[in-house]
Structures are given as C-alpha cells and as structure tokens.
C-alpha cells in the first residue's frame, strides 16, 4: 500500500511544514525503479544507483498561475548563494536525509491524501521522469570517470504546449503528435497493477 503523510504534518501551522519521507522513497523505488517490480519502468533504470530524498509538505505552492503538487530538484543546493546561505541550505538537507542526495522530490501532502492510486502513481512517475542522466555530445549516457556512476541532471517536459493552440491547429507542434498517439493507446499500467502497488483506493472502498 502506498504510504501516507504523517498526521502531525497537518497540525503544523507554521507555514513551513516539511517532513522527510523515507517510506515514500522506498515505495517509489520498490514500485517503479526495481526491475523485479510489476510496475517497473525502464525509463527510470538509471536511478537504480541514485540517492533520492523525498519530502512531504503542506506548504501551498504555485508557478505561473498553476498549483504545484510535486517538484524534483537536484540534491545539491544550487543558484546564486553566499557561503552562509549555501551552508545553511546544505545543513537543512543533511538534517532531513543524513547526506546530500542526488535528487530531492517534494510532494504536496494534501493532494496525495485525496489522490486516487492512479493519480498518485502518475505524479510520482512524473517527478521521477525529471530525474535524468546527462548525455554526452554523441547522445550517449554520461558516467563519472572516478566512480563509474551516472552523471545526473534535471530533464524538462517532453511536450510544452497550449490546449487552445492544439484545438485550433491540431497536433502540429513539436511532440504533440507523439503525445496524442500515446494517449490513443490503452494505458500500460492496468487498474489491477496499480491496485497491487498502492491499494489505498481499495482500502477506502473496503471501509466505506
């Protein structure tokens, strides 16, 4: 069964409520990254050796007028920071995870509590899909010479498009045709597979 946020998270009214979610990371790894899982996605195979820290939050977030319910970031604090600001950010990450992970995924706890199993799985796989391996100049996966481990980076969406433009002109923008074709086929993940991995909706139905 997919894990749920801790109840005490919803009792924190400070406006900065975050909680480390090792149980969420373990579930995501067992469900989508483990090759032995029925829901294994080979698109995430490069994450087998990756360290991924996950967080729950009840802090509302939005970007460009849209609600943010999940976010993937590089684990190492990035951006324009002074020495103290960077050290402070790293100290926070160490406090959550004990080390600086390759990636940090933050999930909106309120959305997760109300989401169906399919919605929860789609959100988690969406964020995992942002966690990518760098490619070299020839398009081959990049590895660190010192360790042989993948060099990680963040990946943008396959398709950036407006529904209104697609309605007016059809699938002519880059990537839209491929998206339409993918949506026209039956989902690879069946309700039975999702139910086995999550079980939350089945448990709710049993209690009702």
C-alpha atoms as a PDB file:
ATOM      1  CA  UNK A   1       0.000   0.000   0.000  1.00  0.00           C
ATOM      2  CA  UNK A   2       1.319   3.440  -0.843  1.00  0.00           C
ATOM      3  CA  UNK A   3       2.471   5.426   2.196  1.00  0.00           C
ATOM      4  CA  UNK A   4       0.578   8.401   3.573  1.00  0.00           C
ATOM      5  CA  UNK A   5       1.878  11.649   5.119  1.00  0.00           C
ATOM      6  CA  UNK A   6       2.220  11.732   8.923  1.00  0.00           C
ATOM      7  CA  UNK A   7      -0.802  13.237  10.702  1.00  0.00           C
ATOM      8  CA  UNK A   8       1.376  15.648  12.686  1.00  0.00           C
ATOM      9  CA  UNK A   9       2.330  17.366   9.439  1.00  0.00           C
ATOM     10  CA  UNK A  10      -1.230  18.685   9.162  1.00  0.00           C
ATOM     11  CA  UNK A  11      -1.040  20.037  12.709  1.00  0.00           C
ATOM     12  CA  UNK A  12       1.892  22.321  11.883  1.00  0.00           C
ATOM     13  CA  UNK A  13       0.513  25.790  11.125  1.00  0.00           C
ATOM     14  CA  UNK A  14       3.909  27.494  10.857  1.00  0.00           C
ATOM     15  CA  UNK A  15       3.622  27.797   7.078  1.00  0.00           C
ATOM     16  CA  UNK A  16       6.908  25.948   6.577  1.00  0.00           C
ATOM     17  CA  UNK A  17       5.916  22.350   7.288  1.00  0.00           C
ATOM     18  CA  UNK A  18       8.186  19.768   5.672  1.00  0.00           C
ATOM     19  CA  UNK A  19       8.906  16.192   6.715  1.00  0.00           C
ATOM     20  CA  UNK A  20      11.378  13.682   5.364  1.00  0.00           C
ATOM     21  CA  UNK A  21       9.601  10.751   3.698  1.00  0.00           C
ATOM     22  CA  UNK A  22      11.913   7.713   3.553  1.00  0.00           C
ATOM     23  CA  UNK A  23       8.869   5.436   3.357  1.00  0.00           C
ATOM     24  CA  UNK A  24       7.720   7.263   0.212  1.00  0.00           C
ATOM     25  CA  UNK A  25      11.156   6.878  -1.380  1.00  0.00           C
ATOM     26  CA  UNK A  26      11.195   3.168  -0.532  1.00  0.00           C
ATOM     27  CA  UNK A  27       7.722   2.686  -2.057  1.00  0.00           C
ATOM     28  CA  UNK A  28       8.648   4.610  -5.227  1.00  0.00           C
ATOM     29  CA  UNK A  29      11.861   2.628  -5.598  1.00  0.00           C
ATOM     30  CA  UNK A  30      10.158  -0.740  -4.998  1.00  0.00           C
ATOM     31  CA  UNK A  31       7.310   0.127  -7.369  1.00  0.00           C
ATOM     32  CA  UNK A  32       8.902   1.961 -10.308  1.00  0.00           C
ATOM     33  CA  UNK A  33      12.708   1.550 -10.124  1.00  0.00           C
ATOM     34  CA  UNK A  34      13.165  -2.071  -9.018  1.00  0.00           C
ATOM     35  CA  UNK A  35      13.466  -4.262 -12.172  1.00  0.00           C
ATOM     36  CA  UNK A  36      11.606  -7.063 -10.373  1.00  0.00           C
ATOM     37  CA  UNK A  37       8.502  -4.926  -9.829  1.00  0.00           C
ATOM     38  CA  UNK A  38       5.423  -5.486 -11.988  1.00  0.00           C
ATOM     39  CA  UNK A  39       5.282  -1.699 -12.471  1.00  0.00           C
ATOM     40  CA  UNK A  40       8.997  -1.247 -13.217  1.00  0.00           C
ATOM     41  CA  UNK A  41       9.597   1.496 -15.751  1.00  0.00           C
ATOM     42  CA  UNK A  42      12.838   1.059 -17.747  1.00  0.00           C
ATOM     43  CA  UNK A  43      12.854   4.830 -18.250  1.00  0.00           C
ATOM     44  CA  UNK A  44      13.932   5.024 -14.590  1.00  0.00           C
ATOM     45  CA  UNK A  45      16.644   2.339 -14.750  1.00  0.00           C
ATOM     46  CA  UNK A  46      19.392   4.967 -14.466  1.00  0.00           C
ATOM     47  CA  UNK A  47      18.029   5.803 -10.996  1.00  0.00           C
ATOM     48  CA  UNK A  48      18.857   2.356  -9.558  1.00  0.00           C
ATOM     49  CA  UNK A  49      22.163   3.650  -8.086  1.00  0.00           C
ATOM     50  CA  UNK A  50      20.798   7.155  -7.378  1.00  0.00           C
ATOM     51  CA  UNK A  51      20.146   8.530  -3.920  1.00  0.00           C
ATOM     52  CA  UNK A  52      16.751  10.228  -3.808  1.00  0.00           C
ATOM     53  CA  UNK A  53      15.489  12.196  -0.835  1.00  0.00           C
ATOM     54  CA  UNK A  54      11.748  12.713  -0.595  1.00  0.00           C
ATOM     55  CA  UNK A  55       9.734  15.232   1.386  1.00  0.00           C
ATOM     56  CA  UNK A  56       6.115  15.756   2.349  1.00  0.00           C
ATOM     57  CA  UNK A  57       4.870  19.318   2.618  1.00  0.00           C
ATOM     58  CA  UNK A  58       1.630  21.158   3.375  1.00  0.00           C
ATOM     59  CA  UNK A  59       3.007  24.459   2.098  1.00  0.00           C
ATOM     60  CA  UNK A  60       0.921  25.735  -0.815  1.00  0.00           C
ATOM     61  CA  UNK A  61       2.914  26.425  -3.960  1.00  0.00           C
ATOM     62  CA  UNK A  62       2.140  27.757  -7.420  1.00  0.00           C
ATOM     63  CA  UNK A  63       4.089  28.636 -10.540  1.00  0.00           C
ATOM     64  CA  UNK A  64       2.881  30.731 -13.453  1.00  0.00           C
ATOM     65  CA  UNK A  65      -0.677  30.603 -12.163  1.00  0.00           C
ATOM     66  CA  UNK A  66      -0.784  26.818 -11.719  1.00  0.00           C
ATOM     67  CA  UNK A  67      -0.784  24.854  -8.461  1.00  0.00           C
ATOM     68  CA  UNK A  68       2.384  22.835  -7.867  1.00  0.00           C
ATOM     69  CA  UNK A  69       1.733  19.401  -6.333  1.00  0.00           C
ATOM     70  CA  UNK A  70       5.184  17.898  -6.860  1.00  0.00           C
ATOM     71  CA  UNK A  71       8.696  19.078  -7.580  1.00  0.00           C
ATOM     72  CA  UNK A  72      12.003  17.420  -8.415  1.00  0.00           C
ATOM     73  CA  UNK A  73      15.294  19.207  -7.742  1.00  0.00           C
ATOM     74  CA  UNK A  74      18.967  18.401  -7.634  1.00  0.00           C
ATOM     75  CA  UNK A  75      20.012  17.496  -4.116  1.00  0.00           C
ATOM     76  CA  UNK A  76      22.946  19.894  -4.009  1.00  0.00           C
ATOM     77  CA  UNK A  77      21.658  23.429  -3.288  1.00  0.00           C
ATOM     78  CA  UNK A  78      22.019  25.462  -6.475  1.00  0.00           C
ATOM     79  CA  UNK A  79      21.663  29.039  -7.601  1.00  0.00           C
ATOM     80  CA  UNK A  80      23.220  32.300  -6.531  1.00  0.00           C
ATOM     81  CA  UNK A  81      24.047  31.813  -2.847  1.00  0.00           C
ATOM     82  CA  UNK A  82      26.580  33.235  -0.476  1.00  0.00           C
ATOM     83  CA  UNK A  83      28.732  30.885   1.595  1.00  0.00           C
ATOM     84  CA  UNK A  84      26.496  31.068   4.640  1.00  0.00           C
ATOM     85  CA  UNK A  85      23.281  30.679   2.668  1.00  0.00           C
ATOM     86  CA  UNK A  86      24.667  27.618   0.879  1.00  0.00           C
ATOM     87  CA  UNK A  87      25.973  26.106   4.117  1.00  0.00           C
ATOM     88  CA  UNK A  88      22.600  26.754   5.772  1.00  0.00           C
ATOM     89  CA  UNK A  89      20.759  25.052   2.895  1.00  0.00           C
ATOM     90  CA  UNK A  90      23.119  22.066   2.993  1.00  0.00           C
ATOM     91  CA  UNK A  91      22.657  21.794   6.772  1.00  0.00           C
ATOM     92  CA  UNK A  92      18.895  21.594   6.240  1.00  0.00           C
ATOM     93  CA  UNK A  93      19.296  18.854   3.618  1.00  0.00           C
ATOM     94  CA  UNK A  94      21.645  16.922   5.918  1.00  0.00           C
ATOM     95  CA  UNK A  95      19.120  17.256   8.723  1.00  0.00           C
ATOM     96  CA  UNK A  96      16.439  15.664   6.571  1.00  0.00           C
ATOM     97  CA  UNK A  97      18.414  12.902   4.869  1.00  0.00           C
ATOM     98  CA  UNK A  98      21.759  12.480   6.665  1.00  0.00           C
ATOM     99  CA  UNK A  99      23.629  13.147   3.413  1.00  0.00           C
ATOM    100  CA  UNK A 100      23.131  15.210   0.275  1.00  0.00           C
ATOM    101  CA  UNK A 101      21.133  13.047  -2.179  1.00  0.00           C
ATOM    102  CA  UNK A 102      21.372  13.176  -5.958  1.00  0.00           C
ATOM    103  CA  UNK A 103      17.762  14.388  -6.156  1.00  0.00           C
ATOM    104  CA  UNK A 104      15.085  15.748  -3.846  1.00  0.00           C
ATOM    105  CA  UNK A 105      11.411  15.175  -4.646  1.00  0.00           C
ATOM    106  CA  UNK A 106       8.791  17.156  -2.721  1.00  0.00           C
ATOM    107  CA  UNK A 107       5.152  16.049  -2.706  1.00  0.00           C
ATOM    108  CA  UNK A 108       2.096  18.066  -1.689  1.00  0.00           C
ATOM    109  CA  UNK A 109       0.676  16.061   1.221  1.00  0.00           C
ATOM    110  CA  UNK A 110      -2.841  17.466   0.841  1.00  0.00           C
ATOM    111  CA  UNK A 111      -3.035  16.407  -2.806  1.00  0.00           C
ATOM    112  CA  UNK A 112      -1.584  12.982  -2.032  1.00  0.00           C
ATOM    113  CA  UNK A 113      -4.174  12.295   0.668  1.00  0.00           C
ATOM    114  CA  UNK A 114      -7.056  12.955  -1.734  1.00  0.00           C
ATOM    115  CA  UNK A 115      -5.491  11.470  -4.897  1.00  0.00           C
ATOM    116  CA  UNK A 116      -6.583   8.219  -6.465  1.00  0.00           C
ATOM    117  CA  UNK A 117      -3.962   5.490  -6.748  1.00  0.00           C
ATOM    118  CA  UNK A 118      -3.570   6.214 -10.471  1.00  0.00           C
ATOM    119  CA  UNK A 119      -3.137   9.951  -9.810  1.00  0.00           C
ATOM    120  CA  UNK A 120      -0.545   9.267  -7.110  1.00  0.00           C
ATOM    121  CA  UNK A 121       1.404   6.891  -9.342  1.00  0.00           C
ATOM    122  CA  UNK A 122       1.297   9.353 -12.249  1.00  0.00           C
ATOM    123  CA  UNK A 123       2.555  12.180 -10.010  1.00  0.00           C
ATOM    124  CA  UNK A 124       5.428  10.112  -8.657  1.00  0.00           C
ATOM    125  CA  UNK A 125       6.465   8.895 -12.115  1.00  0.00           C
ATOM    126  CA  UNK A 126       6.211  12.473 -13.409  1.00  0.00           C
ATOM    127  CA  UNK A 127       8.713  13.647 -10.792  1.00  0.00           C
ATOM    128  CA  UNK A 128      10.971  10.631 -11.318  1.00  0.00           C
ATOM    129  CA  UNK A 129      10.979  11.435 -15.038  1.00  0.00           C
ATOM    130  CA  UNK A 130      12.517  14.813 -14.245  1.00  0.00           C
ATOM    131  CA  UNK A 131      15.423  12.974 -12.575  1.00  0.00           C
ATOM    132  CA  UNK A 132      17.586  12.257 -15.594  1.00  0.00           C
ATOM    133  CA  UNK A 133      21.053  11.145 -16.629  1.00  0.00           C
ATOM    134  CA  UNK A 134      23.203  13.579 -18.574  1.00  0.00           C
ATOM    135  CA  UNK A 135      24.075  12.769 -22.176  1.00  0.00           C
ATOM    136  CA  UNK A 136      27.412  13.368 -23.864  1.00  0.00           C
ATOM    137  CA  UNK A 137      27.918  15.167 -27.181  1.00  0.00           C
ATOM    138  CA  UNK A 138      27.006  11.972 -29.033  1.00  0.00           C
ATOM    139  CA  UNK A 139      23.766  11.411 -27.114  1.00  0.00           C
ATOM    140  CA  UNK A 140      25.152   8.553 -25.014  1.00  0.00           C
ATOM    141  CA  UNK A 141      24.557   8.363 -21.228  1.00  0.00           C
ATOM    142  CA  UNK A 142      27.277  10.106 -19.253  1.00  0.00           C
ATOM    143  CA  UNK A 143      29.157   8.476 -16.356  1.00  0.00           C
ATOM    144  CA  UNK A 144      31.654   9.787 -13.823  1.00  0.00           C
ATOM    145  CA  UNK A 145      35.188   8.621 -14.596  1.00  0.00           C
ATOM    146  CA  UNK A 146      36.072   8.404 -10.904  1.00  0.00           C
ATOM    147  CA  UNK A 147      33.178   6.173  -9.808  1.00  0.00           C
ATOM    148  CA  UNK A 148      31.527   4.855 -12.963  1.00  0.00           C
ATOM    149  CA  UNK A 149      28.197   6.129 -11.643  1.00  0.00           C
ATOM    150  CA  UNK A 150      25.753   8.139 -13.772  1.00  0.00           C
ATOM    151  CA  UNK A 151      26.062  11.908 -14.022  1.00  0.00           C
ATOM    152  CA  UNK A 152      22.661  13.251 -13.081  1.00  0.00           C
ATOM    153  CA  UNK A 153      20.717  16.274 -14.226  1.00  0.00           C
ATOM    154  CA  UNK A 154      17.137  17.537 -14.395  1.00  0.00           C
ATOM    155  CA  UNK A 155      15.074  16.868 -17.500  1.00  0.00           C
ATOM    156  CA  UNK A 156      12.363  19.177 -18.820  1.00  0.00           C
ATOM    157  CA  UNK A 157       8.978  18.000 -20.105  1.00  0.00           C
ATOM    158  CA  UNK A 158       8.733  16.188 -23.430  1.00  0.00           C
ATOM    159  CA  UNK A 159       5.906  18.491 -24.525  1.00  0.00           C
ATOM    160  CA  UNK A 160       5.369  22.191 -23.830  1.00  0.00           C
ATOM    161  CA  UNK A 161       2.088  23.189 -25.448  1.00  0.00           C
ATOM    162  CA  UNK A 162      -1.201  25.068 -25.039  1.00  0.00           C
ATOM    163  CA  UNK A 163      -4.525  23.251 -25.268  1.00  0.00           C
ATOM    164  CA  UNK A 164      -6.035  26.212 -27.162  1.00  0.00           C
ATOM    165  CA  UNK A 165      -3.365  26.100 -29.863  1.00  0.00           C
ATOM    166  CA  UNK A 166      -3.789  22.329 -30.236  1.00  0.00           C
ATOM    167  CA  UNK A 167      -7.561  22.819 -30.583  1.00  0.00           C
ATOM    168  CA  UNK A 168      -7.062  25.368 -33.360  1.00  0.00           C
ATOM    169  CA  UNK A 169      -4.241  23.764 -35.321  1.00  0.00           C
ATOM    170  CA  UNK A 170      -4.102  20.108 -34.297  1.00  0.00           C
ATOM    171  CA  UNK A 171      -1.016  18.106 -33.392  1.00  0.00           C
ATOM    172  CA  UNK A 172       1.487  20.162 -35.386  1.00  0.00           C
ATOM    173  CA  UNK A 173       3.656  21.457 -32.534  1.00  0.00           C
ATOM    174  CA  UNK A 174       6.791  19.505 -31.651  1.00  0.00           C
ATOM    175  CA  UNK A 175       5.998  16.479 -29.508  1.00  0.00           C
ATOM    176  CA  UNK A 176       2.218  16.898 -29.561  1.00  0.00           C
ATOM    177  CA  UNK A 177       1.634  14.231 -32.227  1.00  0.00           C
ATOM    178  CA  UNK A 178       3.611  11.708 -30.187  1.00  0.00           C
ATOM    179  CA  UNK A 179       1.611  12.624 -27.082  1.00  0.00           C
ATOM    180  CA  UNK A 180      -1.705  12.183 -28.911  1.00  0.00           C
ATOM    181  CA  UNK A 181      -0.563   8.810 -30.231  1.00  0.00           C
ATOM    182  CA  UNK A 182       0.470   7.697 -26.733  1.00  0.00           C
ATOM    183  CA  UNK A 183      -2.882   8.773 -25.302  1.00  0.00           C
ATOM    184  CA  UNK A 184      -4.780   6.921 -28.039  1.00  0.00           C
ATOM    185  CA  UNK A 185      -3.314   3.608 -26.894  1.00  0.00           C
ATOM    186  CA  UNK A 186      -4.533   1.730 -23.786  1.00  0.00           C
ATOM    187  CA  UNK A 187      -2.547   2.587 -20.617  1.00  0.00           C
ATOM    188  CA  UNK A 188       0.352   0.241 -19.907  1.00  0.00           C
ATOM    189  CA  UNK A 189      -0.496   0.303 -16.212  1.00  0.00           C
ATOM    190  CA  UNK A 190      -3.742  -1.566 -15.547  1.00  0.00           C
ATOM    191  CA  UNK A 191      -6.026  -0.964 -12.576  1.00  0.00           C
ATOM    192  CA  UNK A 192      -5.008  -4.340 -11.109  1.00  0.00           C
ATOM    193  CA  UNK A 193      -1.295  -3.493 -11.213  1.00  0.00           C
ATOM    194  CA  UNK A 194      -1.886  -0.082  -9.682  1.00  0.00           C
ATOM    195  CA  UNK A 195      -4.088  -1.600  -7.001  1.00  0.00           C
ATOM    196  CA  UNK A 196      -1.389  -4.118  -6.057  1.00  0.00           C
ATOM    197  CA  UNK A 197       1.245  -1.382  -5.767  1.00  0.00           C
ATOM    198  CA  UNK A 198      -0.940   1.147  -3.960  1.00  0.00           C
ATOM    199  CA  UNK A 199      -4.088  -0.332  -2.530  1.00  0.00           C
ATOM    200  CA  UNK A 200      -5.229   2.949  -0.997  1.00  0.00           C
ATOM    201  CA  UNK A 201      -8.407   3.218  -3.057  1.00  0.00           C
ATOM    202  CA  UNK A 202      -9.235  -0.440  -2.417  1.00  0.00           C
ATOM    203  CA  UNK A 203      -8.761   0.098   1.314  1.00  0.00           C
ATOM    204  CA  UNK A 204     -11.044   3.158   1.231  1.00  0.00           C
ATOM    205  CA  UNK A 205     -13.702   1.156  -0.623  1.00  0.00           C
ATOM    206  CA  UNK A 206     -13.496  -1.641   1.934  1.00  0.00           C
ATOM    207  CA  UNK A 207     -14.018   0.856   4.770  1.00  0.00           C
ATOM    208  CA  UNK A 208     -16.966   2.590   3.115  1.00  0.00           C
END
